[in-house]
Every structure is written in structure tokens, then in C-alpha cells.
Amino acid sequence: MTKKKKKSRSNIVRALSFSSQIAFTIAACIFIGVFSGKLLDSLLGTSPWLLLILSLLGMAAAFRAIFALGKRNGDK
């Protein structure tokens, strides 16, 4: 393999790794928010309010984490 092909393959693997990290981060943040909201709603009897609030907080945490990942990856 030539150096150009190796570098191209390395860039593709790096891009796939970064995109899968983004997808996992978004899913994990939102899942944690929804799960926590449902659990607290069932314990406290505040259905659907904590689910909605914590779901929105999970989405905000996902955006914040994505921006941090982008900034960290952009510094390299």
C-alpha cells in the first residue's frame, strides 16, 4: 500500500470513530435524561413533568458534549 492510501484509510477510520462517538454521546445523554425522569416521576407521582424537564436537560447535555468533542477534536 502506498502512503497516500494508508493516510486516506486512516482518515476514514478516524472520521468513523468520531461519528460513532457523537452518536453514542447523544443517545447516552438523552437516555439518561429519559430514564431518570421516568424513574423520578414514578417515585414522586409528578408524571410527566420530570420526564419532560430531564429529557430537555439530557438534550442540552448532549449538545454541550458534542460541542466539547468538536472543540477537542478541532484542536488536534
Protein backbone atom coordinates (compact mmCIF):
# COMPACT_ATOMS: atom_id res chain seq x y z
CA MET A 1 0.00 0.00 0.00
CA THR A 2 1.22 3.48 -0.73
CA LYS A 3 1.49 6.19 1.88
CA LYS A 4 -1.38 8.09 0.31
CA LYS A 5 -3.74 5.10 0.61
CA LYS A 6 -2.68 4.47 4.21
CA LYS A 7 -3.30 8.10 5.12
CA SER A 8 -6.68 8.03 3.36
CA ARG A 9 -7.69 4.85 5.20
CA SER A 10 -6.52 6.36 8.49
CA ASN A 11 -8.64 9.46 7.89
CA ILE A 12 -11.69 7.33 7.10
CA VAL A 13 -11.26 5.29 10.28
CA ARG A 14 -10.80 8.46 12.33
CA ALA A 15 -13.96 10.00 10.83
CA LEU A 16 -16.00 6.85 11.51
CA SER A 17 -14.71 6.74 15.05
CA PHE A 18 -15.62 10.38 15.64
CA SER A 19 -19.10 10.00 14.16
CA SER A 20 -19.84 6.90 16.24
CA GLN A 21 -18.63 8.73 19.36
CA ILE A 22 -21.04 11.57 18.58
CA ALA A 23 -23.95 9.16 18.07
CA PHE A 24 -23.22 7.29 21.30
CA THR A 25 -22.89 10.53 23.26
CA ILE A 26 -26.23 11.86 22.02
CA ALA A 27 -28.02 8.57 22.71
CA ALA A 28 -26.50 8.17 26.17
CA CYS A 29 -27.31 11.71 27.32
CA ILE A 30 -30.91 11.54 26.15
CA PHE A 31 -31.40 8.01 27.51
CA ILE A 32 -30.10 9.02 30.94
CA GLY A 33 -32.44 12.02 31.00
CA VAL A 34 -35.49 9.99 29.96
CA PHE A 35 -34.72 7.09 32.30
CA SER A 36 -34.12 9.41 35.26
CA GLY A 37 -37.28 11.37 34.50
CA LYS A 38 -39.45 8.26 34.28
CA LEU A 39 -37.96 6.84 37.47
CA LEU A 40 -38.41 10.04 39.45
CA ASP A 41 -41.93 10.55 38.07
CA SER A 42 -42.94 7.09 39.22
CA LEU A 43 -41.40 7.62 42.66
CA LEU A 44 -42.73 11.13 43.24
CA GLY A 45 -46.00 10.95 41.30
CA THR A 46 -45.21 14.02 39.19
CA SER A 47 -45.92 12.43 35.82
CA PRO A 48 -44.99 13.80 33.05
CA TRP A 49 -43.18 16.88 34.36
CA LEU A 50 -39.86 15.44 35.48
CA LEU A 51 -39.71 13.30 32.34
CA LEU A 52 -40.08 16.41 30.19
CA ILE A 53 -37.64 18.50 32.19
CA LEU A 54 -34.95 15.84 32.42
CA SER A 55 -35.38 14.91 28.76
CA LEU A 56 -34.73 18.54 27.81
CA LEU A 57 -31.74 18.64 30.15
CA GLY A 58 -30.45 15.44 28.53
CA MET A 59 -30.71 17.07 25.10
CA ALA A 60 -28.89 20.15 26.36
CA ALA A 61 -26.17 17.96 27.85
CA ALA A 62 -25.86 16.15 24.51
CA PHE A 63 -25.38 19.43 22.63
CA ARG A 64 -22.83 20.62 25.16
CA ALA A 65 -20.92 17.33 24.94
CA ILE A 66 -20.96 17.45 21.12
CA PHE A 67 -19.54 20.97 21.12
CA ALA A 68 -16.85 19.90 23.58
CA LEU A 69 -15.97 16.90 21.39
CA GLY A 70 -15.79 19.11 18.33
CA LYS A 71 -13.60 21.64 20.06
CA ARG A 72 -11.29 18.96 21.42
CA ASN A 73 -11.08 17.25 18.03
CA GLY A 74 -10.53 20.58 16.26
CA ASP A 75 -7.52 21.36 18.46
CA LYS A 76 -5.65 18.32 17.15
